[in-house]
Amino acid sequence: MGDQTTVAKTAGVLVVVLTTFAIRFWIYRAGKMRTRGMKVKLTTNERFFLDHQFPYYRTMSAAEKKRLEERAGMLLAEISFDRFDRKDPTKEECLAFAMVLAMLTADQPHSNCVGKVVVCKESDRPEMTKQGEHPVLFVGETWLKGLLQTATPATIKEKAGVEAAGILQEFYESRA
């Protein structure tokens, strides 16, 4: 009788230990496979573009650049881009928009932008509409690049204009 109790206790402890290891392994694997937090990593060419088109970028510290690039990379991974003239949007248009929005929302927690659409067209201010439940933002490439040329994180709202900054903020906070 004493032998059976010892075997049963040992088997019980062994089952608990094996189950614990199996659950820890499963959680580890699930964490590595999740897609949340995906971001686009900027290439050397894109950083070169930023150095020439975004003067404030050159003055930023390495930590500030990394933080801004990560934020812009998350936005680039989540937002869909299109052009009003049915051509493919350029990398520069997408990157300029992501940098402007990243600077504008740098002090806020990240908002999920999956399902949001940015359409590039020639205009001097952004406009936002809804297509079904998805927010669609129309922005001008010239306006974006001009804003990128003159803005800093401290002056982005002022340089963009109160109305335009409000539209960009509304787009960022809207639910898709």
Protein backbone atom coordinates (compact mmCIF):
# COMPACT_ATOMS: atom_id res chain seq x y z
CA MET A 1 0.00 0.00 0.00
CA GLY A 2 2.85 2.43 0.82
CA ASP A 3 4.53 1.68 -2.53
CA GLN A 4 1.37 2.52 -4.47
CA THR A 5 1.01 5.88 -2.68
CA THR A 6 4.61 6.82 -3.45
CA VAL A 7 4.21 5.84 -7.11
CA ALA A 8 0.95 7.81 -7.38
CA LYS A 9 2.49 10.93 -5.78
CA THR A 10 5.55 10.69 -8.03
CA ALA A 11 3.37 10.26 -11.12
CA GLY A 12 1.23 13.24 -10.07
CA VAL A 13 4.24 15.50 -9.58
CA LEU A 14 5.69 14.33 -12.92
CA VAL A 15 2.41 15.11 -14.74
CA VAL A 16 2.28 18.62 -13.19
CA VAL A 17 5.91 19.33 -14.13
CA LEU A 18 5.47 18.07 -17.72
CA THR A 19 2.24 20.05 -18.14
CA THR A 20 3.93 23.20 -16.83
CA PHE A 21 6.81 22.80 -19.30
CA ALA A 22 4.39 22.12 -22.18
CA ILE A 23 2.33 25.23 -21.40
CA ARG A 24 5.46 27.42 -21.06
CA PHE A 25 6.77 26.12 -24.40
CA TRP A 26 3.40 26.76 -26.08
CA ILE A 27 3.23 30.33 -24.71
CA TYR A 28 6.79 31.00 -25.88
CA ARG A 29 6.05 29.74 -29.40
CA ALA A 30 2.74 31.63 -29.59
CA GLY A 31 4.51 34.84 -28.53
CA LYS A 32 7.09 34.47 -31.28
CA MET A 33 4.43 33.84 -33.94
CA ARG A 34 2.07 36.70 -33.15
CA THR A 35 1.80 39.41 -35.77
CA ARG A 36 0.97 42.31 -33.47
CA GLY A 37 3.73 44.87 -33.40
CA MET A 38 4.85 44.21 -36.96
CA LYS A 39 6.71 47.12 -38.45
CA VAL A 40 8.57 48.09 -41.58
CA LYS A 41 12.30 48.57 -41.06
CA LEU A 42 13.71 51.53 -42.92
CA THR A 43 16.44 50.85 -45.46
CA THR A 44 19.59 52.86 -46.06
CA ASN A 45 17.96 54.49 -49.10
CA GLU A 46 14.97 55.58 -47.03
CA ARG A 47 17.25 57.04 -44.36
CA PHE A 48 19.14 58.86 -47.13
CA PHE A 49 15.81 60.30 -48.34
CA LEU A 50 15.04 61.44 -44.79
CA ASP A 51 18.47 63.05 -44.43
CA HIS A 52 17.85 65.15 -47.54
CA GLN A 53 14.12 65.85 -47.32
CA PHE A 54 13.73 66.17 -43.55
CA PRO A 55 16.33 68.62 -42.14
CA TYR A 56 15.31 68.03 -38.52
CA TYR A 57 16.09 64.31 -38.96
CA ARG A 58 19.81 65.12 -39.29
CA THR A 59 19.85 66.88 -35.91
CA MET A 60 18.12 64.09 -34.01
CA SER A 61 20.03 61.77 -31.68
CA ALA A 62 20.28 58.07 -32.55
CA ALA A 63 17.70 57.21 -29.87
CA GLU A 64 15.24 59.82 -31.18
CA LYS A 65 15.72 58.57 -34.75
CA LYS A 66 15.13 54.99 -33.67
CA ARG A 67 11.95 55.90 -31.77
CA LEU A 68 10.57 57.91 -34.72
CA GLU A 69 11.54 55.22 -37.26
CA GLU A 70 9.85 52.49 -35.19
CA ARG A 71 6.67 54.53 -34.90
CA ALA A 72 6.68 55.32 -38.63
CA GLY A 73 7.47 51.66 -39.40
CA MET A 74 4.40 50.50 -37.47
CA LEU A 75 2.25 53.01 -39.36
CA LEU A 76 3.70 51.89 -42.72
CA ALA A 77 2.92 48.25 -41.87
CA GLU A 78 -0.69 48.97 -40.95
CA ILE A 79 -1.93 51.70 -43.31
CA SER A 80 -2.82 51.00 -46.96
CA PHE A 81 -1.62 53.56 -49.50
CA ASP A 82 -3.08 54.41 -52.90
CA ARG A 83 -2.97 57.22 -55.44
CA PHE A 84 -5.85 59.21 -56.85
CA ASP A 85 -4.52 58.79 -60.42
CA ARG A 86 -4.48 54.96 -60.11
CA LYS A 87 -0.68 54.74 -60.18
CA ASP A 88 1.25 53.06 -57.40
CA PRO A 89 2.21 55.38 -54.54
CA THR A 90 5.93 56.03 -54.24
CA LYS A 91 8.01 55.05 -51.24
CA GLU A 92 8.73 58.70 -50.65
CA GLU A 93 5.03 59.59 -50.39
CA CYS A 94 4.38 56.77 -47.95
CA LEU A 95 7.46 57.55 -45.87
CA ALA A 96 6.72 61.29 -45.77
CA PHE A 97 3.18 60.61 -44.54
CA ALA A 98 4.34 58.10 -41.92
CA MET A 99 6.96 60.53 -40.60
CA VAL A 100 4.49 63.42 -40.40
CA LEU A 101 1.90 61.29 -38.60
CA ALA A 102 4.55 59.76 -36.31
CA MET A 103 5.73 63.25 -35.28
CA LEU A 104 2.17 64.49 -34.81
CA THR A 105 1.20 61.56 -32.57
CA ALA A 106 4.55 60.92 -30.84
CA ASP A 107 3.21 61.75 -27.37
CA GLN A 108 0.22 59.39 -27.67
CA PRO A 109 -0.02 55.62 -27.27
CA HIS A 110 0.01 53.66 -30.53
CA SER A 111 -3.41 53.33 -32.17
CA ASN A 112 -4.24 50.42 -34.46
CA CYS A 113 -4.31 51.72 -38.03
CA VAL A 114 -5.16 48.46 -39.83
CA GLY A 115 -7.90 49.07 -42.39
CA LYS A 116 -7.14 52.77 -42.80
CA VAL A 117 -6.37 54.07 -46.28
CA VAL A 118 -4.30 57.07 -47.38
CA VAL A 119 -4.83 58.30 -50.93
CA CYS A 120 -2.15 60.58 -52.37
CA LYS A 121 -3.39 63.34 -54.67
CA GLU A 122 -2.42 66.90 -55.38
CA SER A 123 -4.07 69.10 -52.81
CA ASP A 124 -2.94 71.75 -50.38
CA ARG A 125 -4.64 70.28 -47.31
CA PRO A 126 -5.78 66.85 -46.14
CA GLU A 127 -9.40 65.69 -46.36
CA MET A 128 -10.95 62.71 -44.58
CA THR A 129 -13.96 60.63 -45.59
CA LYS A 130 -15.31 57.19 -44.77
CA GLN A 131 -15.59 54.35 -47.25
CA GLY A 132 -17.92 51.93 -45.54
CA GLU A 133 -16.43 51.68 -42.07
CA HIS A 134 -12.87 52.43 -43.18
CA PRO A 135 -11.48 55.96 -42.86
CA VAL A 136 -9.90 57.31 -46.04
CA LEU A 137 -7.51 60.26 -45.93
CA PHE A 138 -6.63 62.28 -49.03
CA VAL A 139 -3.27 64.08 -48.79
CA GLY A 140 -1.07 65.96 -51.23
CA GLU A 141 2.48 64.80 -51.87
CA THR A 142 3.72 68.37 -52.28
CA TRP A 143 2.03 69.41 -49.02
CA LEU A 144 3.58 66.43 -47.19
CA LYS A 145 7.09 67.01 -48.48
CA GLY A 146 6.84 70.75 -47.77
CA LEU A 147 5.71 69.99 -44.23
CA LEU A 148 8.56 67.51 -43.79
CA GLN A 149 11.04 70.19 -44.96
CA THR A 150 10.02 72.71 -42.30
CA ALA A 151 8.55 70.82 -39.36
CA THR A 152 9.97 69.55 -36.10
CA PRO A 153 8.09 67.48 -33.51
CA ALA A 154 7.58 70.67 -31.48
CA THR A 155 6.21 72.72 -34.39
CA ILE A 156 4.40 70.07 -36.46
CA LYS A 157 0.90 71.17 -35.42
CA GLU A 158 1.66 74.82 -36.10
CA LYS A 159 3.33 74.15 -39.48
CA ALA A 160 0.56 71.78 -40.63
CA GLY A 161 -2.13 74.23 -39.61
CA VAL A 162 -4.73 73.70 -36.92
CA GLU A 163 -7.37 72.32 -39.29
CA ALA A 164 -4.98 69.94 -41.08
CA ALA A 165 -3.44 68.73 -37.82
CA GLY A 166 -6.96 68.09 -36.50
CA ILE A 167 -7.85 66.05 -39.59
CA LEU A 168 -4.65 63.98 -39.29
CA GLN A 169 -5.33 63.47 -35.57
CA GLU A 170 -8.92 62.42 -36.28
CA PHE A 171 -7.69 59.94 -38.91
CA TYR A 172 -5.18 58.47 -36.44
CA GLU A 173 -7.75 58.10 -33.66
CA SER A 174 -10.61 56.81 -35.85
CA ARG A 175 -11.61 53.16 -35.70
CA ALA A 176 -11.50 51.10 -38.86
